[in-house]
Amino acid sequence: MIAKYKLALAILGAATVGGLTVQGLHAQAKPPVYVVIDIAEVVDAQAQRANTDRPTASTATIQQGGKYLARGGKITELDGRRLRA
């Protein structure tokens, strides 16, 4: 009879430790996401200036809580290949 109690207590203890571990993992902060975008050229600058009522990508990024670490300058590829549409 005592062996059954020991087994039940071990199972209950393991479930408690597992539950606390899961809660601890869910409480961790999410890692940041970094995006690098290279806009090589503007195809139709006149049409782009005419669409002033539409929000720009930078406006949408800032509204969603995004931050720019760097803007402008030349991009040097370190790995991979450049994709052209």
N, C-alpha and C. Protein backbone atom coordinates (compact mmCIF):
# COMPACT_ATOMS: atom_id res chain seq x y z
N MET A 1 0.82 -1.19 0.00
CA MET A 1 0.00 0.00 0.00
C MET A 1 0.87 1.26 0.00
N ILE A 2 1.95 1.24 0.74
CA ILE A 2 2.83 2.41 0.82
C ILE A 2 3.50 2.64 -0.53
N ALA A 3 3.78 1.59 -1.27
CA ALA A 3 4.40 1.74 -2.58
C ALA A 3 3.47 2.50 -3.53
N LYS A 4 2.17 2.28 -3.41
CA LYS A 4 1.21 3.01 -4.25
C LYS A 4 1.22 4.50 -3.91
N TYR A 5 1.35 4.83 -2.65
CA TYR A 5 1.41 6.23 -2.24
C TYR A 5 2.69 6.90 -2.76
N LYS A 6 3.79 6.16 -2.70
CA LYS A 6 5.06 6.69 -3.21
C LYS A 6 4.96 6.96 -4.71
N LEU A 7 4.35 6.03 -5.43
CA LEU A 7 4.19 6.21 -6.87
C LEU A 7 3.28 7.39 -7.18
N ALA A 8 2.19 7.51 -6.46
CA ALA A 8 1.26 8.63 -6.69
C ALA A 8 1.93 9.95 -6.36
N LEU A 9 2.70 9.99 -5.28
CA LEU A 9 3.40 11.21 -4.89
C LEU A 9 4.48 11.57 -5.93
N ALA A 10 5.16 10.58 -6.48
CA ALA A 10 6.18 10.85 -7.51
C ALA A 10 5.53 11.39 -8.78
N ILE A 11 4.40 10.81 -9.19
CA ILE A 11 3.70 11.30 -10.37
C ILE A 11 3.21 12.72 -10.16
N LEU A 12 2.64 13.00 -9.00
CA LEU A 12 2.15 14.34 -8.69
C LEU A 12 3.31 15.35 -8.67
N GLY A 13 4.42 14.96 -8.11
CA GLY A 13 5.59 15.85 -8.07
C GLY A 13 6.14 16.12 -9.46
N ALA A 14 6.19 15.10 -10.30
CA ALA A 14 6.69 15.28 -11.67
C ALA A 14 5.75 16.17 -12.46
N ALA A 15 4.45 16.01 -12.29
CA ALA A 15 3.49 16.86 -12.99
C ALA A 15 3.62 18.32 -12.54
N THR A 16 3.85 18.53 -11.26
CA THR A 16 4.02 19.88 -10.73
C THR A 16 5.29 20.53 -11.30
N VAL A 17 6.38 19.80 -11.29
CA VAL A 17 7.63 20.34 -11.83
C VAL A 17 7.49 20.63 -13.32
N GLY A 18 6.84 19.75 -14.07
CA GLY A 18 6.61 19.96 -15.49
C GLY A 18 5.75 21.18 -15.75
N GLY A 19 4.69 21.35 -14.96
CA GLY A 19 3.82 22.52 -15.11
C GLY A 19 4.55 23.82 -14.82
N LEU A 20 5.37 23.82 -13.79
CA LEU A 20 6.13 25.04 -13.46
C LEU A 20 7.17 25.35 -14.54
N THR A 21 7.75 24.32 -15.12
CA THR A 21 8.72 24.52 -16.19
C THR A 21 8.05 25.14 -17.42
N VAL A 22 6.89 24.63 -17.78
CA VAL A 22 6.15 25.17 -18.93
C VAL A 22 5.79 26.62 -18.67
N GLN A 23 5.32 26.96 -17.49
CA GLN A 23 4.98 28.34 -17.17
C GLN A 23 6.21 29.24 -17.24
N GLY A 24 7.34 28.75 -16.80
CA GLY A 24 8.57 29.53 -16.88
C GLY A 24 9.00 29.79 -18.30
N LEU A 25 8.82 28.79 -19.17
CA LEU A 25 9.20 28.98 -20.57
C LEU A 25 8.26 29.95 -21.27
N HIS A 26 6.99 29.93 -20.94
CA HIS A 26 6.04 30.86 -21.56
C HIS A 26 6.27 32.30 -21.10
N ALA A 27 6.85 32.47 -19.92
CA ALA A 27 7.06 33.81 -19.38
C ALA A 27 8.29 34.50 -19.98
N GLN A 28 9.10 33.78 -20.73
CA GLN A 28 10.30 34.39 -21.31
C GLN A 28 9.93 35.36 -22.41
N ALA A 29 10.75 36.38 -22.55
CA ALA A 29 10.52 37.39 -23.58
C ALA A 29 10.79 36.80 -24.96
N LYS A 30 10.06 37.29 -25.95
CA LYS A 30 10.27 36.82 -27.32
C LYS A 30 11.52 37.50 -27.89
N PRO A 31 12.31 36.76 -28.67
CA PRO A 31 13.51 37.36 -29.24
C PRO A 31 13.15 38.40 -30.30
N PRO A 32 14.00 39.41 -30.47
CA PRO A 32 13.72 40.43 -31.48
C PRO A 32 13.87 39.88 -32.89
N VAL A 33 13.20 40.51 -33.82
CA VAL A 33 13.26 40.13 -35.22
C VAL A 33 13.91 41.27 -36.00
N TYR A 34 14.88 40.94 -36.83
CA TYR A 34 15.57 41.93 -37.63
C TYR A 34 15.27 41.67 -39.10
N VAL A 35 14.98 42.71 -39.85
CA VAL A 35 14.68 42.59 -41.27
C VAL A 35 15.58 43.55 -42.03
N VAL A 36 16.22 43.05 -43.07
CA VAL A 36 17.04 43.88 -43.94
C VAL A 36 16.37 43.92 -45.30
N ILE A 37 16.04 45.12 -45.76
CA ILE A 37 15.37 45.29 -47.04
C ILE A 37 16.20 46.24 -47.89
N ASP A 38 16.44 45.82 -49.11
CA ASP A 38 17.20 46.63 -50.06
C ASP A 38 16.25 47.03 -51.19
N ILE A 39 15.88 48.30 -51.22
CA ILE A 39 15.05 48.82 -52.30
C ILE A 39 16.01 49.48 -53.28
N ALA A 40 16.27 48.81 -54.38
CA ALA A 40 17.31 49.24 -55.30
C ALA A 40 16.93 50.47 -56.11
N GLU A 41 15.71 50.50 -56.61
CA GLU A 41 15.34 51.62 -57.47
C GLU A 41 13.83 51.85 -57.41
N VAL A 42 13.44 53.06 -57.69
CA VAL A 42 12.03 53.40 -57.79
C VAL A 42 11.67 53.35 -59.27
N VAL A 43 10.70 52.52 -59.62
CA VAL A 43 10.36 52.32 -61.03
C VAL A 43 9.59 53.51 -61.58
N ASP A 44 8.59 54.00 -60.84
CA ASP A 44 7.76 55.10 -61.32
C ASP A 44 7.67 56.15 -60.21
N ALA A 45 8.60 57.07 -60.17
CA ALA A 45 8.66 58.07 -59.10
C ALA A 45 7.46 59.01 -59.14
N GLN A 46 6.97 59.31 -60.32
CA GLN A 46 5.83 60.22 -60.43
C GLN A 46 4.57 59.59 -59.84
N ALA A 47 4.34 58.32 -60.09
CA ALA A 47 3.18 57.62 -59.51
C ALA A 47 3.34 57.48 -58.01
N GLN A 48 4.55 57.32 -57.54
CA GLN A 48 4.79 57.19 -56.10
C GLN A 48 4.46 58.50 -55.39
N ARG A 49 4.82 59.63 -55.98
CA ARG A 49 4.51 60.93 -55.38
C ARG A 49 3.01 61.21 -55.41
N ALA A 50 2.29 60.67 -56.40
CA ALA A 50 0.85 60.91 -56.52
C ALA A 50 0.05 60.17 -55.46
N ASN A 51 0.57 59.07 -54.94
CA ASN A 51 -0.14 58.27 -53.94
C ASN A 51 0.22 58.72 -52.53
N THR A 52 -0.08 59.96 -52.18
CA THR A 52 0.26 60.47 -50.86
C THR A 52 -0.78 60.09 -49.81
N ASP A 53 -1.98 59.65 -50.22
CA ASP A 53 -3.00 59.27 -49.25
C ASP A 53 -2.75 57.88 -48.65
N ARG A 54 -1.93 57.07 -49.30
CA ARG A 54 -1.62 55.73 -48.81
C ARG A 54 -0.44 55.80 -47.83
N PRO A 55 -0.53 55.13 -46.69
CA PRO A 55 0.59 55.19 -45.74
C PRO A 55 1.82 54.47 -46.29
N THR A 56 2.97 54.97 -45.93
CA THR A 56 4.22 54.36 -46.38
C THR A 56 4.58 53.18 -45.48
N ALA A 57 5.56 52.42 -45.92
CA ALA A 57 6.00 51.27 -45.12
C ALA A 57 6.59 51.72 -43.79
N SER A 58 7.29 52.85 -43.79
CA SER A 58 7.89 53.31 -42.53
C SER A 58 6.81 53.74 -41.54
N THR A 59 5.72 54.33 -42.02
CA THR A 59 4.62 54.71 -41.14
C THR A 59 3.99 53.47 -40.52
N ALA A 60 3.74 52.45 -41.32
CA ALA A 60 3.15 51.21 -40.80
C ALA A 60 4.08 50.52 -39.81
N THR A 61 5.37 50.55 -40.08
CA THR A 61 6.34 49.92 -39.19
C THR A 61 6.35 50.61 -37.84
N ILE A 62 6.36 51.92 -37.83
CA ILE A 62 6.39 52.67 -36.57
C ILE A 62 5.08 52.50 -35.80
N GLN A 63 3.95 52.44 -36.50
CA GLN A 63 2.66 52.25 -35.83
C GLN A 63 2.59 50.88 -35.14
N GLN A 64 3.26 49.89 -35.68
CA GLN A 64 3.24 48.55 -35.09
C GLN A 64 4.33 48.36 -34.03
N GLY A 65 5.06 49.42 -33.71
CA GLY A 65 6.06 49.34 -32.65
C GLY A 65 7.46 49.01 -33.15
N GLY A 66 7.66 49.04 -34.46
CA GLY A 66 8.99 48.75 -35.00
C GLY A 66 9.93 49.92 -34.84
N LYS A 67 11.23 49.61 -34.79
CA LYS A 67 12.25 50.64 -34.68
C LYS A 67 13.28 50.43 -35.78
N TYR A 68 13.78 51.51 -36.33
CA TYR A 68 14.83 51.43 -37.33
C TYR A 68 16.17 51.54 -36.63
N LEU A 69 17.05 50.59 -36.92
CA LEU A 69 18.39 50.63 -36.38
C LEU A 69 19.32 51.41 -37.30
N ALA A 70 19.08 51.32 -38.60
CA ALA A 70 19.87 52.06 -39.59
C ALA A 70 19.01 52.24 -40.83
N ARG A 71 19.17 53.37 -41.49
CA ARG A 71 18.45 53.64 -42.73
C ARG A 71 19.41 54.26 -43.72
N GLY A 72 19.30 53.83 -44.97
CA GLY A 72 20.15 54.41 -46.01
C GLY A 72 21.51 53.76 -46.07
N GLY A 73 22.29 54.18 -47.03
CA GLY A 73 23.63 53.65 -47.19
C GLY A 73 23.67 52.45 -48.12
N LYS A 74 24.87 52.00 -48.39
CA LYS A 74 25.07 50.88 -49.29
C LYS A 74 25.01 49.57 -48.51
N ILE A 75 24.36 48.56 -49.09
CA ILE A 75 24.26 47.25 -48.45
C ILE A 75 25.31 46.34 -49.07
N THR A 76 26.10 45.71 -48.22
CA THR A 76 27.10 44.75 -48.66
C THR A 76 26.62 43.36 -48.30
N GLU A 77 26.50 42.49 -49.30
CA GLU A 77 26.03 41.13 -49.06
C GLU A 77 27.17 40.30 -48.49
N LEU A 78 26.91 39.62 -47.38
CA LEU A 78 27.92 38.78 -46.77
C LEU A 78 27.72 37.31 -47.12
N ASP A 79 26.47 36.92 -47.35
CA ASP A 79 26.16 35.53 -47.63
C ASP A 79 24.92 35.46 -48.49
N GLY A 80 24.81 34.45 -49.29
CA GLY A 80 23.61 34.29 -50.10
C GLY A 80 23.73 35.00 -51.43
N ARG A 81 22.58 35.19 -52.06
CA ARG A 81 22.59 35.85 -53.36
C ARG A 81 21.45 36.86 -53.39
N ARG A 82 21.58 37.83 -54.24
CA ARG A 82 20.57 38.86 -54.38
C ARG A 82 19.50 38.37 -55.33
N LEU A 83 18.24 38.53 -54.94
CA LEU A 83 17.12 38.10 -55.77
C LEU A 83 16.56 39.29 -56.53
N ARG A 84 16.29 39.12 -57.78
CA ARG A 84 15.68 40.16 -58.61
C ARG A 84 14.32 39.68 -59.05
N ALA A 85 13.34 40.57 -58.97
CA ALA A 85 11.99 40.20 -59.38
C ALA A 85 11.81 40.32 -60.87
